[in-house]
All heavy atoms as atom14 arrays in JSON, in Angstrom:
{
  "sequence": "EEKLHAKKMKLTKNGTVESEEAAGLTLEDVSDDDIDVENVEVDDYFFL",
  "atom14_mask": [
    [1, 1, 1, 1, 1, 1, 1, 1, 1, 0, 0, 0, 0, 0],
    [1, 1, 1, 1, 1, 1, 1, 1, 1, 0, 0, 0, 0, 0],
    [1, 1, 1, 1, 1, 1, 1, 1, 1, 0, 0, 0, 0, 0],
    [1, 1, 1, 1, 1, 1, 1, 1, 0, 0, 0, 0, 0, 0],
    [1, 1, 1, 1, 1, 1, 1, 1, 1, 1, 0, 0, 0, 0],
    [1, 1, 1, 1, 1, 0, 0, 0, 0, 0, 0, 0, 0, 0],
    [1, 1, 1, 1, 1, 1, 1, 1, 1, 0, 0, 0, 0, 0],
    [1, 1, 1, 1, 1, 1, 1, 1, 1, 0, 0, 0, 0, 0],
    [1, 1, 1, 1, 1, 1, 1, 1, 0, 0, 0, 0, 0, 0],
    [1, 1, 1, 1, 1, 1, 1, 1, 1, 0, 0, 0, 0, 0],
    [1, 1, 1, 1, 1, 1, 1, 1, 0, 0, 0, 0, 0, 0],
    [1, 1, 1, 1, 1, 1, 1, 0, 0, 0, 0, 0, 0, 0],
    [1, 1, 1, 1, 1, 1, 1, 1, 1, 0, 0, 0, 0, 0],
    [1, 1, 1, 1, 1, 1, 1, 1, 0, 0, 0, 0, 0, 0],
    [1, 1, 1, 1, 0, 0, 0, 0, 0, 0, 0, 0, 0, 0],
    [1, 1, 1, 1, 1, 1, 1, 0, 0, 0, 0, 0, 0, 0],
    [1, 1, 1, 1, 1, 1, 1, 0, 0, 0, 0, 0, 0, 0],
    [1, 1, 1, 1, 1, 1, 1, 1, 1, 0, 0, 0, 0, 0],
    [1, 1, 1, 1, 1, 1, 0, 0, 0, 0, 0, 0, 0, 0],
    [1, 1, 1, 1, 1, 1, 1, 1, 1, 0, 0, 0, 0, 0],
    [1, 1, 1, 1, 1, 1, 1, 1, 1, 0, 0, 0, 0, 0],
    [1, 1, 1, 1, 1, 0, 0, 0, 0, 0, 0, 0, 0, 0],
    [1, 1, 1, 1, 1, 0, 0, 0, 0, 0, 0, 0, 0, 0],
    [1, 1, 1, 1, 0, 0, 0, 0, 0, 0, 0, 0, 0, 0],
    [1, 1, 1, 1, 1, 1, 1, 1, 0, 0, 0, 0, 0, 0],
    [1, 1, 1, 1, 1, 1, 1, 0, 0, 0, 0, 0, 0, 0],
    [1, 1, 1, 1, 1, 1, 1, 1, 0, 0, 0, 0, 0, 0],
    [1, 1, 1, 1, 1, 1, 1, 1, 1, 0, 0, 0, 0, 0],
    [1, 1, 1, 1, 1, 1, 1, 1, 0, 0, 0, 0, 0, 0],
    [1, 1, 1, 1, 1, 1, 1, 0, 0, 0, 0, 0, 0, 0],
    [1, 1, 1, 1, 1, 1, 0, 0, 0, 0, 0, 0, 0, 0],
    [1, 1, 1, 1, 1, 1, 1, 1, 0, 0, 0, 0, 0, 0],
    [1, 1, 1, 1, 1, 1, 1, 1, 0, 0, 0, 0, 0, 0],
    [1, 1, 1, 1, 1, 1, 1, 1, 0, 0, 0, 0, 0, 0],
    [1, 1, 1, 1, 1, 1, 1, 1, 0, 0, 0, 0, 0, 0],
    [1, 1, 1, 1, 1, 1, 1, 1, 0, 0, 0, 0, 0, 0],
    [1, 1, 1, 1, 1, 1, 1, 0, 0, 0, 0, 0, 0, 0],
    [1, 1, 1, 1, 1, 1, 1, 1, 1, 0, 0, 0, 0, 0],
    [1, 1, 1, 1, 1, 1, 1, 1, 0, 0, 0, 0, 0, 0],
    [1, 1, 1, 1, 1, 1, 1, 0, 0, 0, 0, 0, 0, 0],
    [1, 1, 1, 1, 1, 1, 1, 1, 1, 0, 0, 0, 0, 0],
    [1, 1, 1, 1, 1, 1, 1, 0, 0, 0, 0, 0, 0, 0],
    [1, 1, 1, 1, 1, 1, 1, 1, 0, 0, 0, 0, 0, 0],
    [1, 1, 1, 1, 1, 1, 1, 1, 0, 0, 0, 0, 0, 0],
    [1, 1, 1, 1, 1, 1, 1, 1, 1, 1, 1, 1, 0, 0],
    [1, 1, 1, 1, 1, 1, 1, 1, 1, 1, 1, 0, 0, 0],
    [1, 1, 1, 1, 1, 1, 1, 1, 1, 1, 1, 0, 0, 0],
    [1, 1, 1, 1, 1, 1, 1, 1, 0, 0, 0, 0, 0, 0]
  ],
  "atom14_positions": [
    [[74.76, -3.73, 12.77], [73.56, -3.02, 13.05], [73.8, -1.75, 13.86], [73.15, -0.77, 13.65], [72.55, -3.96, 13.78], [71.93, -5.02, 12.82], [71.1, -6.02, 13.52], [70.86, -5.98, 14.79], [70.78, -7.12, 12.94], [0.0, 0.0, 0.0], [0.0, 0.0, 0.0], [0.0, 0.0, 0.0], [0.0, 0.0, 0.0], [0.0, 0.0, 0.0]],
    [[74.62, -1.85, 14.87], [74.97, -0.67, 15.64], [75.62, 0.35, 14.84], [75.36, 1.51, 15.08], [75.9, -1.01, 16.8], [75.29, -1.73, 18.01], [76.24, -2.0, 19.12], [77.5, -1.89, 18.9], [75.75, -2.4, 20.2], [0.0, 0.0, 0.0], [0.0, 0.0, 0.0], [0.0, 0.0, 0.0], [0.0, 0.0, 0.0], [0.0, 0.0, 0.0]],
    [[76.42, 0.03, 13.93], [77.22, 0.96, 13.03], [76.22, 1.67, 12.13], [76.26, 2.82, 11.84], [78.25, 0.22, 12.3], [79.2, 1.08, 11.54], [79.93, 2.06, 12.53], [81.42, 1.91, 12.38], [82.25, 2.75, 13.26], [0.0, 0.0, 0.0], [0.0, 0.0, 0.0], [0.0, 0.0, 0.0], [0.0, 0.0, 0.0], [0.0, 0.0, 0.0]],
    [[75.27, 0.77, 11.55], [74.17, 1.25, 10.73], [73.36, 2.31, 11.42], [73.08, 3.4, 10.9], [73.31, 0.13, 10.12], [72.18, 0.55, 9.28], [72.58, 1.25, 7.97], [71.35, -0.76, 9.05], [0.0, 0.0, 0.0], [0.0, 0.0, 0.0], [0.0, 0.0, 0.0], [0.0, 0.0, 0.0], [0.0, 0.0, 0.0], [0.0, 0.0, 0.0]],
    [[72.98, 2.02, 12.67], [72.19, 2.88, 13.42], [72.94, 4.22, 13.71], [72.39, 5.37, 13.59], [71.82, 2.29, 14.8], [70.96, 3.08, 15.59], [69.67, 3.39, 15.38], [71.18, 3.68, 16.85], [69.24, 4.28, 16.24], [70.05, 4.44, 17.31], [0.0, 0.0, 0.0], [0.0, 0.0, 0.0], [0.0, 0.0, 0.0], [0.0, 0.0, 0.0]],
    [[74.16, 4.15, 14.07], [75.01, 5.39, 14.32], [75.05, 6.12, 13.01], [74.96, 7.4, 13.03], [76.39, 4.89, 14.78], [0.0, 0.0, 0.0], [0.0, 0.0, 0.0], [0.0, 0.0, 0.0], [0.0, 0.0, 0.0], [0.0, 0.0, 0.0], [0.0, 0.0, 0.0], [0.0, 0.0, 0.0], [0.0, 0.0, 0.0], [0.0, 0.0, 0.0]],
    [[75.23, 5.54, 11.77], [75.35, 6.38, 10.59], [74.03, 6.99, 10.28], [74.03, 8.25, 9.94], [75.53, 5.37, 9.4], [77.01, 4.9, 9.23], [77.24, 4.1, 7.91], [78.73, 3.92, 7.61], [78.84, 3.28, 6.39], [0.0, 0.0, 0.0], [0.0, 0.0, 0.0], [0.0, 0.0, 0.0], [0.0, 0.0, 0.0], [0.0, 0.0, 0.0]],
    [[72.89, 6.3, 10.62], [71.53, 6.94, 10.4], [71.44, 8.19, 11.44], [70.83, 9.19, 10.95], [70.48, 5.97, 10.59], [70.32, 5.03, 9.43], [69.19, 4.05, 9.66], [69.0, 3.09, 8.33], [67.71, 2.3, 8.49], [0.0, 0.0, 0.0], [0.0, 0.0, 0.0], [0.0, 0.0, 0.0], [0.0, 0.0, 0.0], [0.0, 0.0, 0.0]],
    [[71.76, 7.98, 12.69], [71.67, 9.0, 13.57], [72.57, 10.2, 13.31], [72.16, 11.39, 13.29], [72.15, 8.59, 14.97], [71.22, 7.66, 15.63], [69.58, 8.51, 16.09], [68.45, 7.72, 14.91], [0.0, 0.0, 0.0], [0.0, 0.0, 0.0], [0.0, 0.0, 0.0], [0.0, 0.0, 0.0], [0.0, 0.0, 0.0], [0.0, 0.0, 0.0]],
    [[73.73, 9.99, 12.57], [74.64, 11.07, 12.2], [74.03, 11.81, 11.04], [73.94, 13.09, 11.01], [75.95, 10.53, 11.73], [76.96, 11.58, 11.51], [78.31, 10.94, 11.29], [79.37, 12.01, 11.06], [80.7, 11.37, 10.72], [0.0, 0.0, 0.0], [0.0, 0.0, 0.0], [0.0, 0.0, 0.0], [0.0, 0.0, 0.0], [0.0, 0.0, 0.0]],
    [[73.35, 11.06, 10.07], [72.68, 11.75, 8.96], [71.46, 12.51, 9.27], [71.08, 13.44, 8.54], [72.5, 10.68, 7.88], [73.62, 10.21, 7.13], [73.32, 8.97, 6.31], [74.34, 11.19, 6.18], [0.0, 0.0, 0.0], [0.0, 0.0, 0.0], [0.0, 0.0, 0.0], [0.0, 0.0, 0.0], [0.0, 0.0, 0.0], [0.0, 0.0, 0.0]],
    [[70.78, 12.05, 10.39], [69.45, 12.73, 10.63], [69.64, 13.64, 11.95], [68.7, 14.08, 12.58], [68.47, 11.67, 11.01], [68.95, 10.83, 12.12], [68.13, 10.76, 9.74], [0.0, 0.0, 0.0], [0.0, 0.0, 0.0], [0.0, 0.0, 0.0], [0.0, 0.0, 0.0], [0.0, 0.0, 0.0], [0.0, 0.0, 0.0], [0.0, 0.0, 0.0]],
    [[70.86, 13.9, 12.39], [71.27, 14.66, 13.47], [70.44, 14.24, 14.71], [69.57, 14.85, 15.17], [70.87, 16.22, 13.25], [71.72, 16.84, 12.12], [71.62, 18.24, 11.93], [72.61, 18.6, 10.91], [72.53, 19.8, 10.29], [0.0, 0.0, 0.0], [0.0, 0.0, 0.0], [0.0, 0.0, 0.0], [0.0, 0.0, 0.0], [0.0, 0.0, 0.0]],
    [[70.68, 12.83, 15.08], [70.08, 12.25, 16.18], [68.58, 12.08, 16.05], [67.78, 12.15, 16.91], [70.51, 12.82, 17.53], [71.91, 12.55, 17.88], [72.45, 11.52, 17.42], [72.56, 13.52, 18.62], [0.0, 0.0, 0.0], [0.0, 0.0, 0.0], [0.0, 0.0, 0.0], [0.0, 0.0, 0.0], [0.0, 0.0, 0.0], [0.0, 0.0, 0.0]],
    [[68.1, 11.91, 14.71], [66.68, 11.61, 14.55], [65.8, 12.93, 14.46], [64.59, 12.77, 14.35], [0.0, 0.0, 0.0], [0.0, 0.0, 0.0], [0.0, 0.0, 0.0], [0.0, 0.0, 0.0], [0.0, 0.0, 0.0], [0.0, 0.0, 0.0], [0.0, 0.0, 0.0], [0.0, 0.0, 0.0], [0.0, 0.0, 0.0], [0.0, 0.0, 0.0]],
    [[66.51, 13.96, 14.5], [65.6, 15.27, 14.56], [65.28, 15.81, 13.02], [64.46, 16.67, 12.83], [66.44, 16.46, 15.23], [67.61, 16.66, 14.78], [66.46, 16.0, 16.81], [0.0, 0.0, 0.0], [0.0, 0.0, 0.0], [0.0, 0.0, 0.0], [0.0, 0.0, 0.0], [0.0, 0.0, 0.0], [0.0, 0.0, 0.0], [0.0, 0.0, 0.0]],
    [[66.14, 15.36, 12.07], [66.0, 15.79, 10.66], [65.68, 14.59, 9.75], [66.41, 13.53, 9.94], [67.31, 16.53, 10.21], [67.09, 16.95, 8.82], [67.55, 17.64, 11.14], [0.0, 0.0, 0.0], [0.0, 0.0, 0.0], [0.0, 0.0, 0.0], [0.0, 0.0, 0.0], [0.0, 0.0, 0.0], [0.0, 0.0, 0.0], [0.0, 0.0, 0.0]],
    [[64.83, 14.77, 8.84], [64.58, 13.6, 7.94], [65.59, 13.62, 6.83], [66.19, 14.6, 6.43], [63.15, 13.8, 7.18], [62.02, 13.49, 8.11], [60.77, 13.19, 7.37], [60.84, 12.76, 6.27], [59.7, 13.45, 7.9], [0.0, 0.0, 0.0], [0.0, 0.0, 0.0], [0.0, 0.0, 0.0], [0.0, 0.0, 0.0], [0.0, 0.0, 0.0]],
    [[66.04, 12.37, 6.42], [67.04, 12.17, 5.51], [66.91, 11.1, 4.54], [66.66, 9.87, 5.12], [68.35, 11.98, 6.25], [69.36, 11.48, 5.3], [0.0, 0.0, 0.0], [0.0, 0.0, 0.0], [0.0, 0.0, 0.0], [0.0, 0.0, 0.0], [0.0, 0.0, 0.0], [0.0, 0.0, 0.0], [0.0, 0.0, 0.0], [0.0, 0.0, 0.0]],
    [[66.79, 11.28, 3.18], [66.45, 10.2, 2.32], [67.65, 9.19, 2.26], [67.44, 7.99, 2.17], [66.11, 10.8, 0.87], [64.76, 11.3, 0.67], [64.59, 11.65, -0.81], [65.09, 10.93, -1.64], [63.9, 12.73, -0.99], [0.0, 0.0, 0.0], [0.0, 0.0, 0.0], [0.0, 0.0, 0.0], [0.0, 0.0, 0.0], [0.0, 0.0, 0.0]],
    [[68.75, 9.77, 2.37], [70.03, 8.93, 2.4], [70.01, 8.02, 3.66], [70.3, 6.84, 3.46], [71.33, 9.87, 2.4], [72.59, 9.04, 2.32], [73.76, 9.87, 2.43], [73.78, 11.14, 2.57], [74.94, 9.33, 2.5], [0.0, 0.0, 0.0], [0.0, 0.0, 0.0], [0.0, 0.0, 0.0], [0.0, 0.0, 0.0], [0.0, 0.0, 0.0]],
    [[69.63, 8.49, 4.77], [69.6, 7.61, 5.97], [68.57, 6.49, 5.82], [68.71, 5.44, 6.17], [69.32, 8.51, 7.14], [0.0, 0.0, 0.0], [0.0, 0.0, 0.0], [0.0, 0.0, 0.0], [0.0, 0.0, 0.0], [0.0, 0.0, 0.0], [0.0, 0.0, 0.0], [0.0, 0.0, 0.0], [0.0, 0.0, 0.0], [0.0, 0.0, 0.0]],
    [[67.28, 6.99, 5.25], [66.18, 5.99, 5.05], [66.66, 4.84, 4.12], [66.17, 3.75, 4.26], [65.07, 6.72, 4.58], [0.0, 0.0, 0.0], [0.0, 0.0, 0.0], [0.0, 0.0, 0.0], [0.0, 0.0, 0.0], [0.0, 0.0, 0.0], [0.0, 0.0, 0.0], [0.0, 0.0, 0.0], [0.0, 0.0, 0.0], [0.0, 0.0, 0.0]],
    [[67.52, 5.2, 3.17], [67.92, 4.22, 2.17], [69.13, 3.3, 2.61], [69.38, 2.31, 1.9], [0.0, 0.0, 0.0], [0.0, 0.0, 0.0], [0.0, 0.0, 0.0], [0.0, 0.0, 0.0], [0.0, 0.0, 0.0], [0.0, 0.0, 0.0], [0.0, 0.0, 0.0], [0.0, 0.0, 0.0], [0.0, 0.0, 0.0], [0.0, 0.0, 0.0]],
    [[69.7, 3.56, 3.68], [70.88, 2.75, 4.24], [70.38, 1.39, 4.62], [69.33, 1.25, 5.31], [71.52, 3.55, 5.3], [72.44, 4.71, 5.0], [72.99, 5.31, 6.3], [73.54, 4.27, 4.1], [0.0, 0.0, 0.0], [0.0, 0.0, 0.0], [0.0, 0.0, 0.0], [0.0, 0.0, 0.0], [0.0, 0.0, 0.0], [0.0, 0.0, 0.0]],
    [[71.15, 0.39, 4.33], [70.94, -1.03, 4.73], [72.27, -1.59, 5.3], [73.32, -0.93, 5.17], [70.35, -1.86, 3.6], [71.5, -2.11, 2.65], [69.17, -1.38, 2.97], [0.0, 0.0, 0.0], [0.0, 0.0, 0.0], [0.0, 0.0, 0.0], [0.0, 0.0, 0.0], [0.0, 0.0, 0.0], [0.0, 0.0, 0.0], [0.0, 0.0, 0.0]],
    [[72.12, -2.77, 5.77], [73.33, -3.47, 6.41], [74.46, -3.62, 5.37], [75.58, -3.66, 5.71], [72.99, -4.79, 7.02], [72.27, -4.76, 8.36], [71.99, -6.23, 8.8], [73.13, -4.18, 9.46], [0.0, 0.0, 0.0], [0.0, 0.0, 0.0], [0.0, 0.0, 0.0], [0.0, 0.0, 0.0], [0.0, 0.0, 0.0], [0.0, 0.0, 0.0]],
    [[74.17, -3.72, 4.06], [75.05, -3.96, 2.99], [75.94, -2.61, 2.98], [77.05, -2.62, 2.31], [74.34, -4.19, 1.7], [73.88, -5.5, 1.56], [72.71, -5.87, 2.42], [71.76, -5.11, 2.29], [72.68, -7.0, 2.89], [0.0, 0.0, 0.0], [0.0, 0.0, 0.0], [0.0, 0.0, 0.0], [0.0, 0.0, 0.0], [0.0, 0.0, 0.0]],
    [[75.38, -1.44, 3.43], [76.15, -0.26, 3.45], [77.24, -0.07, 4.48], [78.03, 0.77, 4.45], [75.18, 0.92, 3.39], [74.25, 0.97, 2.33], [74.74, 0.79, 1.1], [73.03, 1.23, 2.45], [0.0, 0.0, 0.0], [0.0, 0.0, 0.0], [0.0, 0.0, 0.0], [0.0, 0.0, 0.0], [0.0, 0.0, 0.0], [0.0, 0.0, 0.0]],
    [[77.23, -1.09, 5.37], [78.26, -1.01, 6.47], [79.41, -2.11, 6.07], [79.03, -3.29, 5.91], [77.59, -1.46, 7.79], [78.65, -1.54, 8.86], [76.49, -0.54, 8.12], [0.0, 0.0, 0.0], [0.0, 0.0, 0.0], [0.0, 0.0, 0.0], [0.0, 0.0, 0.0], [0.0, 0.0, 0.0], [0.0, 0.0, 0.0], [0.0, 0.0, 0.0]],
    [[80.65, -1.64, 5.84], [81.61, -2.43, 5.4], [82.16, -3.27, 6.56], [82.09, -2.8, 7.76], [82.78, -1.59, 4.82], [83.95, -2.37, 4.73], [0.0, 0.0, 0.0], [0.0, 0.0, 0.0], [0.0, 0.0, 0.0], [0.0, 0.0, 0.0], [0.0, 0.0, 0.0], [0.0, 0.0, 0.0], [0.0, 0.0, 0.0], [0.0, 0.0, 0.0]],
    [[82.72, -4.46, 6.21], [83.32, -5.19, 7.36], [84.43, -4.5, 7.91], [84.93, -4.84, 9.01], [83.66, -6.62, 6.86], [82.43, -7.61, 6.66], [81.47, -7.31, 7.32], [82.63, -8.56, 5.95], [0.0, 0.0, 0.0], [0.0, 0.0, 0.0], [0.0, 0.0, 0.0], [0.0, 0.0, 0.0], [0.0, 0.0, 0.0], [0.0, 0.0, 0.0]],
    [[85.1, -3.69, 7.09], [86.28, -2.83, 7.53], [85.77, -1.93, 8.7], [86.62, -1.43, 9.4], [86.91, -2.23, 6.42], [87.45, -3.11, 5.32], [87.65, -4.22, 5.73], [87.56, -2.7, 4.27], [0.0, 0.0, 0.0], [0.0, 0.0, 0.0], [0.0, 0.0, 0.0], [0.0, 0.0, 0.0], [0.0, 0.0, 0.0], [0.0, 0.0, 0.0]],
    [[84.51, -1.44, 8.69], [84.13, -0.52, 9.66], [83.94, -1.14, 11.0], [83.74, -0.33, 12.07], [82.75, 0.04, 9.17], [82.82, 0.93, 8.0], [83.95, 1.29, 7.52], [81.81, 1.25, 7.34], [0.0, 0.0, 0.0], [0.0, 0.0, 0.0], [0.0, 0.0, 0.0], [0.0, 0.0, 0.0], [0.0, 0.0, 0.0], [0.0, 0.0, 0.0]],
    [[83.92, -2.41, 11.16], [83.65, -2.98, 12.42], [84.87, -3.84, 12.87], [85.68, -4.35, 12.01], [82.44, -3.89, 12.55], [82.46, -4.99, 11.46], [81.25, -3.09, 12.32], [81.41, -5.95, 11.54], [0.0, 0.0, 0.0], [0.0, 0.0, 0.0], [0.0, 0.0, 0.0], [0.0, 0.0, 0.0], [0.0, 0.0, 0.0], [0.0, 0.0, 0.0]],
    [[85.17, -3.84, 14.22], [86.34, -4.57, 14.74], [85.94, -5.65, 15.7], [85.82, -5.52, 16.79], [87.19, -3.55, 15.36], [88.59, -4.2, 15.86], [88.87, -5.27, 15.36], [89.3, -3.61, 16.59], [0.0, 0.0, 0.0], [0.0, 0.0, 0.0], [0.0, 0.0, 0.0], [0.0, 0.0, 0.0], [0.0, 0.0, 0.0], [0.0, 0.0, 0.0]],
    [[85.67, -6.93, 15.16], [85.17, -8.0, 15.96], [86.28, -8.56, 16.68], [86.19, -9.1, 17.83], [84.49, -9.11, 15.08], [84.16, -10.29, 15.92], [83.37, -8.46, 14.29], [0.0, 0.0, 0.0], [0.0, 0.0, 0.0], [0.0, 0.0, 0.0], [0.0, 0.0, 0.0], [0.0, 0.0, 0.0], [0.0, 0.0, 0.0], [0.0, 0.0, 0.0]],
    [[87.44, -8.55, 16.19], [88.66, -9.12, 16.96], [89.01, -8.62, 18.2], [89.51, -9.33, 19.05], [89.88, -9.15, 15.9], [89.62, -9.78, 14.53], [89.07, -11.25, 14.61], [89.68, -12.09, 15.49], [88.18, -11.64, 13.86], [0.0, 0.0, 0.0], [0.0, 0.0, 0.0], [0.0, 0.0, 0.0], [0.0, 0.0, 0.0], [0.0, 0.0, 0.0]],
    [[88.7, -7.39, 18.4], [89.19, -6.71, 19.66], [87.96, -6.66, 20.71], [88.05, -6.0, 21.73], [89.55, -5.3, 19.43], [90.96, -5.32, 18.7], [91.75, -6.06, 19.09], [91.21, -4.35, 17.84], [0.0, 0.0, 0.0], [0.0, 0.0, 0.0], [0.0, 0.0, 0.0], [0.0, 0.0, 0.0], [0.0, 0.0, 0.0], [0.0, 0.0, 0.0]],
    [[86.98, -7.44, 20.35], [85.83, -7.56, 21.27], [85.8, -8.92, 21.87], [85.91, -9.88, 21.17], [84.5, -7.29, 20.64], [83.28, -7.37, 21.63], [84.49, -5.91, 20.1], [0.0, 0.0, 0.0], [0.0, 0.0, 0.0], [0.0, 0.0, 0.0], [0.0, 0.0, 0.0], [0.0, 0.0, 0.0], [0.0, 0.0, 0.0], [0.0, 0.0, 0.0]],
    [[85.82, -9.09, 23.22], [85.73, -10.29, 23.87], [84.42, -11.03, 23.68], [83.42, -10.5, 24.26], [86.11, -10.29, 25.32], [86.29, -11.6, 26.06], [87.35, -12.58, 25.44], [88.44, -12.08, 25.2], [86.87, -13.63, 25.11], [0.0, 0.0, 0.0], [0.0, 0.0, 0.0], [0.0, 0.0, 0.0], [0.0, 0.0, 0.0], [0.0, 0.0, 0.0]],
    [[84.41, -12.06, 22.77], [83.09, -12.63, 22.49], [82.38, -13.22, 23.64], [81.2, -12.99, 23.85], [83.27, -13.82, 21.42], [81.97, -14.4, 21.11], [83.89, -13.2, 20.24], [0.0, 0.0, 0.0], [0.0, 0.0, 0.0], [0.0, 0.0, 0.0], [0.0, 0.0, 0.0], [0.0, 0.0, 0.0], [0.0, 0.0, 0.0], [0.0, 0.0, 0.0]],
    [[83.04, -13.91, 24.66], [82.4, -14.43, 25.77], [81.74, -13.49, 26.7], [80.74, -13.72, 27.39], [83.39, -15.32, 26.6], [83.72, -16.65, 25.72], [83.02, -16.97, 24.85], [84.9, -17.13, 25.97], [0.0, 0.0, 0.0], [0.0, 0.0, 0.0], [0.0, 0.0, 0.0], [0.0, 0.0, 0.0], [0.0, 0.0, 0.0], [0.0, 0.0, 0.0]],
    [[82.34, -12.31, 26.71], [81.71, -11.15, 27.61], [80.49, -10.48, 26.96], [79.83, -9.77, 27.62], [82.86, -10.1, 27.82], [84.04, -10.83, 28.73], [83.74, -11.72, 29.34], [84.93, -10.2, 28.75], [0.0, 0.0, 0.0], [0.0, 0.0, 0.0], [0.0, 0.0, 0.0], [0.0, 0.0, 0.0], [0.0, 0.0, 0.0], [0.0, 0.0, 0.0]],
    [[80.27, -10.75, 25.64], [79.17, -10.04, 25.01], [77.91, -10.75, 25.25], [77.84, -12.01, 25.24], [79.47, -10.07, 23.57], [78.81, -8.85, 22.87], [79.43, -7.6, 22.87], [77.6, -9.04, 22.28], [78.87, -6.46, 22.36], [76.97, -7.81, 21.73], [77.64, -6.55, 21.75], [76.98, -5.5, 21.23], [0.0, 0.0, 0.0], [0.0, 0.0, 0.0]],
    [[76.72, -10.02, 25.34], [75.57, -10.65, 25.76], [74.84, -10.99, 24.37], [74.57, -10.17, 23.62], [74.6, -9.65, 26.5], [73.29, -10.29, 26.94], [73.2, -11.28, 27.87], [72.16, -9.74, 26.31], [71.95, -11.78, 28.21], [70.93, -10.3, 26.68], [70.78, -11.26, 27.6], [0.0, 0.0, 0.0], [0.0, 0.0, 0.0], [0.0, 0.0, 0.0]],
    [[74.46, -12.34, 24.19], [74.01, -12.75, 22.91], [72.45, -12.78, 22.76], [71.94, -12.74, 21.71], [74.6, -14.16, 22.47], [76.01, -14.02, 21.97], [77.03, -14.27, 22.84], [76.25, -13.52, 20.77], [78.27, -14.15, 22.43], [77.56, -13.32, 20.38], [78.58, -13.74, 21.15], [0.0, 0.0, 0.0], [0.0, 0.0, 0.0], [0.0, 0.0, 0.0]],
    [[71.74, -12.94, 23.94], [70.44, -13.03, 23.8], [69.63, -11.56, 23.73], [69.0, -11.19, 24.63], [69.81, -13.82, 25.0], [70.27, -15.31, 24.94], [69.83, -16.05, 26.22], [69.82, -16.03, 23.8], [0.0, 0.0, 0.0], [0.0, 0.0, 0.0], [0.0, 0.0, 0.0], [0.0, 0.0, 0.0], [0.0, 0.0, 0.0], [0.0, 0.0, 0.0]]
  ]
}
């Protein structure tokens, strides 16, 4: 979700420009290769 938000912000120049491409992006557009879960300490992350 964070990566999707970052992609949308990049396409809309931090939300200042409308973008059809950004509006059409979903979580399926974020590849598992784009995120690195293994290098994040799970116990230190806030889940709620």
